[in-house]
Amino acid sequence: MNTGRCTWLVVMALALTLACSATGVATTIWVVPGESLKAAVEGAADGDTVLVAAGGYSGPENRGIEILEKSLTVIAEDGPEVTAISLWNDDRAFRIIGTGSETVTIRGFAITGGRAQSGGAVYVREANLLLEQCYIHHCRAPNNPPGTGYGGGLSVASGATAQVTSCTFACNTAQGYFYTPGFGTSIYTGSGASTVVEQSLFMDDFVSYMSTGALHADGVISVDRCIFSGGLGVGWNVSGSEYLLADPGVCGTGTAFPYAPCSDSTCLPENNPWGSFIGALQVSCGPCNSPVETISWGAIKALYHDSD
């Protein structure tokens, strides 16, 4: 028996086993309503994917979720119309802290009722964030005297980058303090950070507190194919010219999704100059601007005239 060759094979097998253990193998973790989204995300390893089933997620096990120094993908499988993180004014949804090389993807959620002085729904620092197809609404960055609020929906802090694609931001606020405004009702990007916003919709951000606009950049924010509506305008220190300041045509109050596009909305590819779908929500109602038929008073009376 060739004991030398056997020893060599054993050593190689052990080395391979140790290498696999060190690098790990990415896995997929499933979460359904009633389970802890926080536990699943915080317990996931670098490179893992967390798939979240349709339903509502609220309470302490579904807020203040921390993603620390790891790359991760968190996806709501069926989209923001049916998958919501409800924060009830208690905390933000996600806090992401990296070392500069990590990439975190968050896709397909509705996030509502978030509250944090910096990033009412999502906060990221020294990591790369991909925020896709999310509906972020009624979140706020309150002041904390003597400080002001930064990013009612999203705050991108020093050393971070964010790519925001096909999202809808609605009714968010960043609260000012005395003569200092709130910075970015929807998105704030700090010094040393950068954000690119594409194919996204910004609606009816609150103006009850002094604010610089929907977006605010002490670093860099660029916009491409976006629509802004609601009175605050685009914001401060924002680059890019491919956007509209217009009422996009949404379904409105009294509907399941007030900020979903009408069937004739400017958010639809056939109704905007870019041929792109804008925002996170799908068409949820008929036309906003139904045609009006012109008819004379005589014609109306004729409809009720008794015939002999």
C-alpha atoms as a PDB file:
ATOM      1  CA  MET A   1       0.000   0.000   0.000  1.00  0.00           C
ATOM      2  CA  ASN A   2       1.293   3.437  -0.920  1.00  0.00           C
ATOM      3  CA  THR A   3       0.993   5.173   2.465  1.00  0.00           C
ATOM      4  CA  GLY A   4       2.597   8.363   1.143  1.00  0.00           C
ATOM      5  CA  ARG A   5      -0.068   8.775  -1.514  1.00  0.00           C
ATOM      6  CA  CYS A   6      -2.863   8.062   1.007  1.00  0.00           C
ATOM      7  CA  THR A   7      -1.462  10.643   3.404  1.00  0.00           C
ATOM      8  CA  TRP A   8      -1.322  13.206   0.591  1.00  0.00           C
ATOM      9  CA  LEU A   9      -4.968  12.541  -0.320  1.00  0.00           C
ATOM     10  CA  VAL A  10      -6.070  12.913   3.303  1.00  0.00           C
ATOM     11  CA  VAL A  11      -4.218  16.217   3.616  1.00  0.00           C
ATOM     12  CA  MET A  12      -5.762  17.556   0.399  1.00  0.00           C
ATOM     13  CA  ALA A  13      -9.263  16.516   1.467  1.00  0.00           C
ATOM     14  CA  LEU A  14      -8.818  18.204   4.830  1.00  0.00           C
ATOM     15  CA  ALA A  15      -7.538  21.383   3.174  1.00  0.00           C
ATOM     16  CA  LEU A  16     -10.526  21.455   0.828  1.00  0.00           C
ATOM     17  CA  THR A  17     -12.926  20.973   3.750  1.00  0.00           C
ATOM     18  CA  LEU A  18     -11.332  23.809   5.700  1.00  0.00           C
ATOM     19  CA  ALA A  19     -11.440  26.094   2.648  1.00  0.00           C
ATOM     20  CA  CYS A  20     -15.142  25.445   2.127  1.00  0.00           C
ATOM     21  CA  SER A  21     -15.834  26.069   5.801  1.00  0.00           C
ATOM     22  CA  ALA A  22     -13.944  29.357   5.667  1.00  0.00           C
ATOM     23  CA  THR A  23     -15.658  30.727   2.601  1.00  0.00           C
ATOM     24  CA  GLY A  24     -19.130  29.381   3.392  1.00  0.00           C
ATOM     25  CA  VAL A  25     -21.891  28.661   0.938  1.00  0.00           C
ATOM     26  CA  ALA A  26     -24.647  31.223   0.378  1.00  0.00           C
ATOM     27  CA  THR A  27     -28.068  29.990   1.413  1.00  0.00           C
ATOM     28  CA  THR A  28     -31.669  31.107   1.004  1.00  0.00           C
ATOM     29  CA  ILE A  29     -33.798  31.783   4.072  1.00  0.00           C
ATOM     30  CA  TRP A  30     -37.596  31.949   3.845  1.00  0.00           C
ATOM     31  CA  VAL A  31     -39.760  34.117   6.111  1.00  0.00           C
ATOM     32  CA  VAL A  32     -43.555  33.995   6.367  1.00  0.00           C
ATOM     33  CA  PRO A  33     -45.962  36.205   8.358  1.00  0.00           C
ATOM     34  CA  GLY A  34     -45.808  35.446  12.064  1.00  0.00           C
ATOM     35  CA  GLU A  35     -42.084  34.746  11.934  1.00  0.00           C
ATOM     36  CA  SER A  36     -39.367  37.230  12.876  1.00  0.00           C
ATOM     37  CA  LEU A  37     -37.984  39.124   9.893  1.00  0.00           C
ATOM     38  CA  LYS A  38     -35.429  40.687  12.239  1.00  0.00           C
ATOM     39  CA  ALA A  39     -34.130  37.288  13.390  1.00  0.00           C
ATOM     40  CA  ALA A  40     -33.904  35.976   9.826  1.00  0.00           C
ATOM     41  CA  VAL A  41     -32.003  38.980   8.478  1.00  0.00           C
ATOM     42  CA  GLU A  42     -29.689  39.467  11.436  1.00  0.00           C
ATOM     43  CA  GLY A  43     -28.973  35.744  11.609  1.00  0.00           C
ATOM     44  CA  ALA A  44     -28.175  35.436   7.902  1.00  0.00           C
ATOM     45  CA  ALA A  45     -24.579  35.015   6.804  1.00  0.00           C
ATOM     46  CA  ASP A  46     -22.633  37.097   4.319  1.00  0.00           C
ATOM     47  CA  GLY A  47     -23.960  36.491   0.799  1.00  0.00           C
ATOM     48  CA  ASP A  48     -27.264  34.924   1.879  1.00  0.00           C
ATOM     49  CA  THR A  49     -30.693  35.732   0.435  1.00  0.00           C
ATOM     50  CA  VAL A  50     -33.790  36.268   2.586  1.00  0.00           C
ATOM     51  CA  LEU A  51     -37.070  35.691   0.717  1.00  0.00           C
ATOM     52  CA  VAL A  52     -40.131  37.197   2.396  1.00  0.00           C
ATOM     53  CA  ALA A  53     -43.640  35.900   1.695  1.00  0.00           C
ATOM     54  CA  ALA A  54     -46.618  38.194   1.143  1.00  0.00           C
ATOM     55  CA  GLY A  55     -48.276  39.536   4.274  1.00  0.00           C
ATOM     56  CA  GLY A  56     -47.941  42.091   7.036  1.00  0.00           C
ATOM     57  CA  TYR A  57     -44.885  42.391   9.271  1.00  0.00           C
ATOM     58  CA  SER A  58     -45.083  44.566  12.381  1.00  0.00           C
ATOM     59  CA  GLY A  59     -44.026  44.635  16.012  1.00  0.00           C
ATOM     60  CA  PRO A  60     -40.574  44.566  17.632  1.00  0.00           C
ATOM     61  CA  GLU A  61     -39.492  41.467  15.667  1.00  0.00           C
ATOM     62  CA  ASN A  62     -39.949  43.330  12.379  1.00  0.00           C
ATOM     63  CA  ARG A  63     -38.348  46.719  12.982  1.00  0.00           C
ATOM     64  CA  GLY A  64     -34.919  48.086  13.854  1.00  0.00           C
ATOM     65  CA  ILE A  65     -33.383  45.371  11.660  1.00  0.00           C
ATOM     66  CA  GLU A  66     -29.581  45.637  11.539  1.00  0.00           C
ATOM     67  CA  ILE A  67     -27.427  44.459   8.651  1.00  0.00           C
ATOM     68  CA  LEU A  68     -23.864  44.769   9.885  1.00  0.00           C
ATOM     69  CA  GLU A  69     -20.727  44.226   7.804  1.00  0.00           C
ATOM     70  CA  LYS A  70     -22.182  41.682   5.400  1.00  0.00           C
ATOM     71  CA  SER A  71     -23.615  41.554   1.909  1.00  0.00           C
ATOM     72  CA  LEU A  72     -27.228  40.442   1.840  1.00  0.00           C
ATOM     73  CA  THR A  73     -30.282  40.295  -0.416  1.00  0.00           C
ATOM     74  CA  VAL A  74     -33.725  40.785   1.144  1.00  0.00           C
ATOM     75  CA  ILE A  75     -36.627  40.336  -1.276  1.00  0.00           C
ATOM     76  CA  ALA A  76     -40.392  40.502  -0.860  1.00  0.00           C
ATOM     77  CA  GLU A  77     -41.328  37.874  -3.410  1.00  0.00           C
ATOM     78  CA  ASP A  78     -44.741  39.268  -4.408  1.00  0.00           C
ATOM     79  CA  GLY A  79     -44.047  42.985  -4.256  1.00  0.00           C
ATOM     80  CA  PRO A  80     -45.085  46.050  -2.249  1.00  0.00           C
ATOM     81  CA  GLU A  81     -48.802  45.754  -2.941  1.00  0.00           C
ATOM     82  CA  VAL A  82     -48.997  42.690  -0.705  1.00  0.00           C
ATOM     83  CA  THR A  83     -45.885  42.811   1.513  1.00  0.00           C
ATOM     84  CA  ALA A  84     -45.728  45.572   4.127  1.00  0.00           C
ATOM     85  CA  ILE A  85     -43.450  46.413   7.051  1.00  0.00           C
ATOM     86  CA  SER A  86     -45.558  48.556   9.390  1.00  0.00           C
ATOM     87  CA  LEU A  87     -43.451  50.425  11.928  1.00  0.00           C
ATOM     88  CA  TRP A  88     -46.102  52.340  13.877  1.00  0.00           C
ATOM     89  CA  ASN A  89     -43.840  55.336  14.511  1.00  0.00           C
ATOM     90  CA  ASP A  90     -41.471  53.239  16.658  1.00  0.00           C
ATOM     91  CA  ASP A  91     -38.278  52.840  14.600  1.00  0.00           C
ATOM     92  CA  ARG A  92     -36.899  52.562  11.079  1.00  0.00           C
ATOM     93  CA  ALA A  93     -37.050  49.263   9.169  1.00  0.00           C
ATOM     94  CA  PHE A  94     -33.376  48.706   8.227  1.00  0.00           C
ATOM     95  CA  ARG A  95     -30.051  50.031   9.538  1.00  0.00           C
ATOM     96  CA  ILE A  96     -27.147  49.008   7.311  1.00  0.00           C
ATOM     97  CA  ILE A  97     -23.543  49.487   8.430  1.00  0.00           C
ATOM     98  CA  GLY A  98     -20.592  48.199   6.431  1.00  0.00           C
ATOM     99  CA  THR A  99     -16.870  48.620   5.962  1.00  0.00           C
ATOM    100  CA  GLY A 100     -17.146  49.997   2.425  1.00  0.00           C
ATOM    101  CA  SER A 101     -17.228  46.819   0.341  1.00  0.00           C
ATOM    102  CA  GLU A 102     -20.584  45.216   1.234  1.00  0.00           C
ATOM    103  CA  THR A 103     -23.648  45.342  -1.038  1.00  0.00           C
ATOM    104  CA  VAL A 104     -27.157  45.052   0.373  1.00  0.00           C
ATOM    105  CA  THR A 105     -30.248  44.691  -1.821  1.00  0.00           C
ATOM    106  CA  ILE A 106     -33.721  45.471  -0.485  1.00  0.00           C
ATOM    107  CA  ARG A 107     -36.513  44.853  -2.975  1.00  0.00           C
ATOM    108  CA  GLY A 108     -40.276  44.769  -3.170  1.00  0.00           C
ATOM    109  CA  PHE A 109     -41.455  46.083   0.223  1.00  0.00           C
ATOM    110  CA  ALA A 110     -43.961  48.634   1.349  1.00  0.00           C
ATOM    111  CA  ILE A 111     -42.497  50.397   4.398  1.00  0.00           C
ATOM    112  CA  THR A 112     -44.810  52.653   6.362  1.00  0.00           C
ATOM    113  CA  GLY A 113     -44.820  54.563   9.642  1.00  0.00           C
ATOM    114  CA  GLY A 114     -41.058  54.633  10.135  1.00  0.00           C
ATOM    115  CA  ARG A 115     -39.424  57.084  12.519  1.00  0.00           C
ATOM    116  CA  ALA A 116     -35.740  57.886  13.061  1.00  0.00           C
ATOM    117  CA  GLN A 117     -33.823  61.155  13.071  1.00  0.00           C
ATOM    118  CA  SER A 118     -31.701  59.970  10.150  1.00  0.00           C
ATOM    119  CA  GLY A 119     -33.465  57.718   7.667  1.00  0.00           C
ATOM    120  CA  GLY A 120     -37.065  57.214   8.733  1.00  0.00           C
ATOM    121  CA  ALA A 121     -37.323  53.921   6.820  1.00  0.00           C
ATOM    122  CA  VAL A 122     -33.759  52.951   5.842  1.00  0.00           C
ATOM    123  CA  TYR A 123     -30.299  54.134   6.935  1.00  0.00           C
ATOM    124  CA  VAL A 124     -27.007  53.094   5.293  1.00  0.00           C
ATOM    125  CA  ARG A 125     -23.378  53.960   6.100  1.00  0.00           C
ATOM    126  CA  GLU A 126     -20.174  52.661   4.470  1.00  0.00           C
ATOM    127  CA  ALA A 127     -21.990  50.091   2.344  1.00  0.00           C
ATOM    128  CA  ASN A 128     -23.573  49.878  -1.090  1.00  0.00           C
ATOM    129  CA  LEU A 129     -27.370  49.819  -1.084  1.00  0.00           C
ATOM    130  CA  LEU A 130     -29.641  48.711  -3.923  1.00  0.00           C
ATOM    131  CA  LEU A 131     -33.177  49.837  -3.055  1.00  0.00           C
ATOM    132  CA  GLU A 132     -35.591  48.513  -5.676  1.00  0.00           C
ATOM    133  CA  GLN A 133     -39.365  48.490  -6.200  1.00  0.00           C
ATOM    134  CA  CYS A 134     -40.128  49.753  -2.699  1.00  0.00           C
ATOM    135  CA  TYR A 135     -43.106  51.871  -1.618  1.00  0.00           C
ATOM    136  CA  ILE A 136     -41.970  54.080   1.270  1.00  0.00           C
ATOM    137  CA  HIS A 137     -44.733  56.211   2.754  1.00  0.00           C
ATOM    138  CA  HIS A 138     -45.697  58.106   5.892  1.00  0.00           C
ATOM    139  CA  CYS A 139     -42.197  57.847   7.328  1.00  0.00           C
ATOM    140  CA  ARG A 140     -40.423  60.697   9.052  1.00  0.00           C
ATOM    141  CA  ALA A 141     -37.117  61.986  10.316  1.00  0.00           C
ATOM    142  CA  PRO A 142     -38.059  64.064  13.383  1.00  0.00           C
ATOM    143  CA  ASN A 143     -35.833  66.720  14.865  1.00  0.00           C
ATOM    144  CA  ASN A 144     -33.972  65.922  18.041  1.00  0.00           C
ATOM    145  CA  PRO A 145     -33.229  69.366  19.491  1.00  0.00           C
ATOM    146  CA  PRO A 146     -30.936  70.934  18.747  1.00  0.00           C
ATOM    147  CA  GLY A 147     -30.592  68.618  15.724  1.00  0.00           C
ATOM    148  CA  THR A 148     -32.744  68.446  12.609  1.00  0.00           C
ATOM    149  CA  GLY A 149     -34.153  65.500  10.634  1.00  0.00           C
ATOM    150  CA  TYR A 150     -32.272  63.853   7.775  1.00  0.00           C
ATOM    151  CA  GLY A 151     -34.097  61.835   5.124  1.00  0.00           C
ATOM    152  CA  GLY A 152     -37.697  61.015   5.968  1.00  0.00           C
ATOM    153  CA  GLY A 153     -37.491  57.876   3.833  1.00  0.00           C
ATOM    154  CA  LEU A 154     -33.801  57.126   3.288  1.00  0.00           C
ATOM    155  CA  SER A 155     -30.541  58.488   4.681  1.00  0.00           C
ATOM    156  CA  VAL A 156     -27.297  57.696   2.856  1.00  0.00           C
ATOM    157  CA  ALA A 157     -24.443  58.552   5.216  1.00  0.00           C
ATOM    158  CA  SER A 158     -20.695  58.943   4.816  1.00  0.00           C
ATOM    159  CA  GLY A 159     -18.904  56.277   2.789  1.00  0.00           C
ATOM    160  CA  ALA A 160     -22.124  54.803   1.362  1.00  0.00           C
ATOM    161  CA  THR A 161     -23.596  54.601  -2.111  1.00  0.00           C
ATOM    162  CA  ALA A 162     -27.247  54.002  -2.950  1.00  0.00           C
ATOM    163  CA  GLN A 163     -28.962  53.053  -6.185  1.00  0.00           C
ATOM    164  CA  VAL A 164     -32.700  53.732  -5.868  1.00  0.00           C
ATOM    165  CA  THR A 165     -34.672  52.188  -8.731  1.00  0.00           C
ATOM    166  CA  SER A 166     -38.418  52.038  -9.416  1.00  0.00           C
ATOM    167  CA  CYS A 167     -39.509  53.232  -5.972  1.00  0.00           C
ATOM    168  CA  THR A 168     -42.446  55.329  -4.791  1.00  0.00           C
ATOM    169  CA  PHE A 169     -42.004  57.810  -1.937  1.00  0.00           C
ATOM    170  CA  ALA A 170     -45.165  59.420  -0.541  1.00  0.00           C
ATOM    171  CA  CYS A 171     -46.121  61.546   2.467  1.00  0.00           C
ATOM    172  CA  ASN A 172     -42.718  61.476   4.136  1.00  0.00           C
ATOM    173  CA  THR A 173     -41.186  64.330   6.124  1.00  0.00           C
ATOM    174  CA  ALA A 174     -37.920  65.599   7.578  1.00  0.00           C
ATOM    175  CA  GLN A 175     -38.534  67.947  10.476  1.00  0.00           C
ATOM    176  CA  GLY A 176     -36.599  71.182  10.896  1.00  0.00           C
ATOM    177  CA  TYR A 177     -35.619  72.899  14.107  1.00  0.00           C
ATOM    178  CA  PHE A 178     -36.122  76.651  14.510  1.00  0.00           C
ATOM    179  CA  TYR A 179     -34.317  78.223  11.519  1.00  0.00           C
ATOM    180  CA  THR A 180     -32.640  75.003  10.400  1.00  0.00           C
ATOM    181  CA  PRO A 181     -34.674  73.081   7.809  1.00  0.00           C
ATOM    182  CA  GLY A 182     -35.209  69.360   7.642  1.00  0.00           C
ATOM    183  CA  PHE A 183     -32.931  67.835   5.040  1.00  0.00           C
ATOM    184  CA  GLY A 184     -34.713  65.791   2.379  1.00  0.00           C
ATOM    185  CA  THR A 185     -38.276  64.699   3.060  1.00  0.00           C
ATOM    186  CA  SER A 186     -37.645  61.519   1.078  1.00  0.00           C
ATOM    187  CA  ILE A 187     -33.867  61.088   0.656  1.00  0.00           C
ATOM    188  CA  TYR A 188     -30.841  62.660   2.304  1.00  0.00           C
ATOM    189  CA  THR A 189     -27.295  62.003   1.071  1.00  0.00           C
ATOM    190  CA  GLY A 190     -24.509  63.105   3.402  1.00  0.00           C
ATOM    191  CA  SER A 191     -21.008  64.353   2.758  1.00  0.00           C
ATOM    192  CA  GLY A 192     -18.823  61.621   1.301  1.00  0.00           C
ATOM    193  CA  ALA A 193     -21.833  59.632   0.029  1.00  0.00           C
ATOM    194  CA  SER A 194     -23.589  59.346  -3.328  1.00  0.00           C
ATOM    195  CA  THR A 195     -27.051  58.369  -4.520  1.00  0.00           C
ATOM    196  CA  VAL A 196     -28.498  57.655  -7.954  1.00  0.00           C
ATOM    197  CA  VAL A 197     -32.291  57.729  -8.242  1.00  0.00           C
ATOM    198  CA  GLU A 198     -33.965  56.229 -11.323  1.00  0.00           C
ATOM    199  CA  GLN A 199     -37.541  55.661 -12.486  1.00  0.00           C
ATOM    200  CA  SER A 200     -38.986  56.761  -9.145  1.00  0.00           C
ATOM    201  CA  LEU A 201     -42.024  58.746  -8.037  1.00  0.00           C
ATOM    202  CA  PHE A 202     -42.137  61.357  -5.252  1.00  0.00           C
ATOM    203  CA  MET A 203     -45.579  62.452  -4.036  1.00  0.00           C
ATOM    204  CA  ASP A 204     -47.118  64.785  -1.437  1.00  0.00           C
ATOM    205  CA  ASP A 205     -44.243  64.997   0.997  1.00  0.00           C
ATOM    206  CA  PHE A 206     -45.385  66.965   4.020  1.00  0.00           C
ATOM    207  CA  VAL A 207     -44.681  70.699   4.073  1.00  0.00           C
ATOM    208  CA  SER A 208     -45.852  71.335   7.638  1.00  0.00           C
ATOM    209  CA  TYR A 209     -42.215  71.455   8.761  1.00  0.00           C
ATOM    210  CA  MET A 210     -39.581  73.548   7.045  1.00  0.00           C
ATOM    211  CA  SER A 211     -37.649  71.361   4.618  1.00  0.00           C
ATOM    212  CA  THR A 212     -35.231  71.696   1.730  1.00  0.00           C
ATOM    213  CA  GLY A 213     -37.242  69.510  -0.649  1.00  0.00           C
ATOM    214  CA  ALA A 214     -37.820  65.875  -1.535  1.00  0.00           C
ATOM    215  CA  LEU A 215     -34.081  65.247  -1.957  1.00  0.00           C
ATOM    216  CA  HIS A 216     -31.108  66.866  -0.240  1.00  0.00           C
ATOM    217  CA  ALA A 217     -27.438  66.286  -1.007  1.00  0.00           C
ATOM    218  CA  ASP A 218     -24.453  67.342   1.059  1.00  0.00           C
ATOM    219  CA  GLY A 219     -22.748  64.665  -1.023  1.00  0.00           C
ATOM    220  CA  VAL A 220     -24.017  63.739  -4.503  1.00  0.00           C
ATOM    221  CA  ILE A 221     -27.548  62.918  -5.707  1.00  0.00           C
ATOM    222  CA  SER A 222     -28.400  62.460  -9.368  1.00  0.00           C
ATOM    223  CA  VAL A 223     -31.860  61.762 -10.768  1.00  0.00           C
ATOM    224  CA  ASP A 224     -32.861  60.091 -14.009  1.00  0.00           C
ATOM    225  CA  ARG A 225     -36.451  59.552 -15.246  1.00  0.00           C
ATOM    226  CA  CYS A 226     -38.259  60.620 -12.068  1.00  0.00           C
ATOM    227  CA  ILE A 227     -41.523  62.445 -11.366  1.00  0.00           C
ATOM    228  CA  PHE A 228     -41.980  64.915  -8.491  1.00  0.00           C
ATOM    229  CA  SER A 229     -45.339  66.186  -7.297  1.00  0.00           C
ATOM    230  CA  GLY A 230     -46.610  67.856  -4.157  1.00  0.00           C
ATOM    231  CA  GLY A 231     -45.168  71.345  -3.762  1.00  0.00           C
ATOM    232  CA  LEU A 232     -41.653  70.829  -2.361  1.00  0.00           C
ATOM    233  CA  GLY A 233     -39.920  70.328  -5.688  1.00  0.00           C
ATOM    234  CA  VAL A 234     -36.841  68.245  -6.371  1.00  0.00           C
ATOM    235  CA  GLY A 235     -34.660  69.561  -3.571  1.00  0.00           C
ATOM    236  CA  TRP A 236     -31.180  70.832  -2.798  1.00  0.00           C
ATOM    237  CA  ASN A 237     -27.967  70.233  -4.745  1.00  0.00           C
ATOM    238  CA  VAL A 238     -29.509  67.605  -7.027  1.00  0.00           C
ATOM    239  CA  SER A 239     -28.025  66.907 -10.460  1.00  0.00           C
ATOM    240  CA  GLY A 240     -29.673  65.524 -13.565  1.00  0.00           C
ATOM    241  CA  SER A 241     -32.276  66.993 -15.895  1.00  0.00           C
ATOM    242  CA  GLU A 242     -34.394  63.967 -16.788  1.00  0.00           C
ATOM    243  CA  TYR A 243     -37.355  64.535 -14.475  1.00  0.00           C
ATOM    244  CA  LEU A 244     -40.859  65.991 -14.494  1.00  0.00           C
ATOM    245  CA  LEU A 245     -42.540  68.340 -12.035  1.00  0.00           C
ATOM    246  CA  ALA A 246     -46.134  67.279 -12.572  1.00  0.00           C
ATOM    247  CA  ASP A 247     -49.201  65.562 -11.203  1.00  0.00           C
ATOM    248  CA  PRO A 248     -48.581  62.022 -12.462  1.00  0.00           C
ATOM    249  CA  GLY A 249     -52.192  60.856 -12.119  1.00  0.00           C
ATOM    250  CA  VAL A 250     -52.665  58.466  -9.205  1.00  0.00           C
ATOM    251  CA  CYS A 251     -55.717  56.650  -7.881  1.00  0.00           C
ATOM    252  CA  GLY A 252     -56.222  58.922  -4.861  1.00  0.00           C
ATOM    253  CA  THR A 253     -57.909  58.664  -1.491  1.00  0.00           C
ATOM    254  CA  GLY A 254     -60.617  56.095  -1.041  1.00  0.00           C
ATOM    255  CA  THR A 255     -58.681  53.484  -3.000  1.00  0.00           C
ATOM    256  CA  ALA A 256     -56.537  50.623  -1.718  1.00  0.00           C
ATOM    257  CA  PHE A 257     -53.384  52.245  -3.121  1.00  0.00           C
ATOM    258  CA  PRO A 258     -53.776  56.045  -3.282  1.00  0.00           C
ATOM    259  CA  TYR A 259     -50.356  56.497  -4.901  1.00  0.00           C
ATOM    260  CA  ALA A 260     -50.707  53.759  -7.508  1.00  0.00           C
ATOM    261  CA  PRO A 261     -50.969  55.035 -11.075  1.00  0.00           C
ATOM    262  CA  CYS A 262     -54.227  55.438 -12.945  1.00  0.00           C
ATOM    263  CA  SER A 263     -54.546  53.681 -16.273  1.00  0.00           C
ATOM    264  CA  ASP A 264     -53.693  56.980 -18.024  1.00  0.00           C
ATOM    265  CA  SER A 265     -50.936  58.053 -15.617  1.00  0.00           C
ATOM    266  CA  THR A 266     -47.721  59.729 -16.679  1.00  0.00           C
ATOM    267  CA  CYS A 267     -45.996  56.877 -14.823  1.00  0.00           C
ATOM    268  CA  LEU A 268     -46.833  54.540 -17.689  1.00  0.00           C
ATOM    269  CA  PRO A 269     -44.216  54.131 -20.448  1.00  0.00           C
ATOM    270  CA  GLU A 270     -46.601  55.248 -23.180  1.00  0.00           C
ATOM    271  CA  ASN A 271     -47.355  58.522 -21.369  1.00  0.00           C
ATOM    272  CA  ASN A 272     -43.914  59.873 -20.492  1.00  0.00           C
ATOM    273  CA  PRO A 273     -40.983  61.017 -22.652  1.00  0.00           C
ATOM    274  CA  TRP A 274     -38.679  58.203 -21.548  1.00  0.00           C
ATOM    275  CA  GLY A 275     -40.773  55.121 -22.350  1.00  0.00           C
ATOM    276  CA  SER A 276     -40.174  53.851 -18.784  1.00  0.00           C
ATOM    277  CA  PHE A 277     -42.487  52.711 -15.991  1.00  0.00           C
ATOM    278  CA  ILE A 278     -42.103  55.079 -13.043  1.00  0.00           C
ATOM    279  CA  GLY A 279     -42.547  54.054  -9.410  1.00  0.00           C
ATOM    280  CA  ALA A 280     -43.066  50.831  -7.469  1.00  0.00           C
ATOM    281  CA  LEU A 281     -46.829  50.269  -7.735  1.00  0.00           C
ATOM    282  CA  GLN A 282     -48.771  48.797 -10.621  1.00  0.00           C
ATOM    283  CA  VAL A 283     -51.880  50.340 -12.203  1.00  0.00           C
ATOM    284  CA  SER A 284     -54.724  50.001  -9.684  1.00  0.00           C
ATOM    285  CA  CYS A 285     -57.629  52.016 -11.113  1.00  0.00           C
ATOM    286  CA  GLY A 286     -59.149  53.337 -14.324  1.00  0.00           C
ATOM    287  CA  PRO A 287     -58.318  56.623 -16.022  1.00  0.00           C
ATOM    288  CA  CYS A 288     -57.798  59.715 -13.871  1.00  0.00           C
ATOM    289  CA  ASN A 289     -58.800  62.034 -16.662  1.00  0.00           C
ATOM    290  CA  SER A 290     -61.920  60.463 -18.122  1.00  0.00           C
ATOM    291  CA  PRO A 291     -63.133  62.196 -21.287  1.00  0.00           C
ATOM    292  CA  VAL A 292     -66.218  64.402 -20.886  1.00  0.00           C
ATOM    293  CA  GLU A 293     -68.887  64.168 -23.518  1.00  0.00           C
ATOM    294  CA  THR A 294     -70.339  67.505 -24.607  1.00  0.00           C
ATOM    295  CA  ILE A 295     -74.144  67.483 -24.805  1.00  0.00           C
ATOM    296  CA  SER A 296     -76.756  70.223 -25.073  1.00  0.00           C
ATOM    297  CA  TRP A 297     -79.537  70.866 -22.549  1.00  0.00           C
ATOM    298  CA  GLY A 298     -82.071  70.167 -25.273  1.00  0.00           C
ATOM    299  CA  ALA A 299     -80.545  66.750 -25.893  1.00  0.00           C
ATOM    300  CA  ILE A 300     -80.718  65.972 -22.187  1.00  0.00           C
ATOM    301  CA  LYS A 301     -84.424  66.942 -22.045  1.00  0.00           C
ATOM    302  CA  ALA A 302     -85.096  64.797 -25.082  1.00  0.00           C
ATOM    303  CA  LEU A 303     -83.918  61.761 -23.154  1.00  0.00           C
ATOM    304  CA  TYR A 304     -86.876  62.200 -20.809  1.00  0.00           C
ATOM    305  CA  HIS A 305     -89.482  63.350 -23.332  1.00  0.00           C
ATOM    306  CA  ASP A 306     -92.551  61.128 -23.374  1.00  0.00           C
ATOM    307  CA  SER A 307     -93.156  59.724 -26.813  1.00  0.00           C
ATOM    308  CA  ASP A 308     -96.718  59.404 -28.115  1.00  0.00           C
END
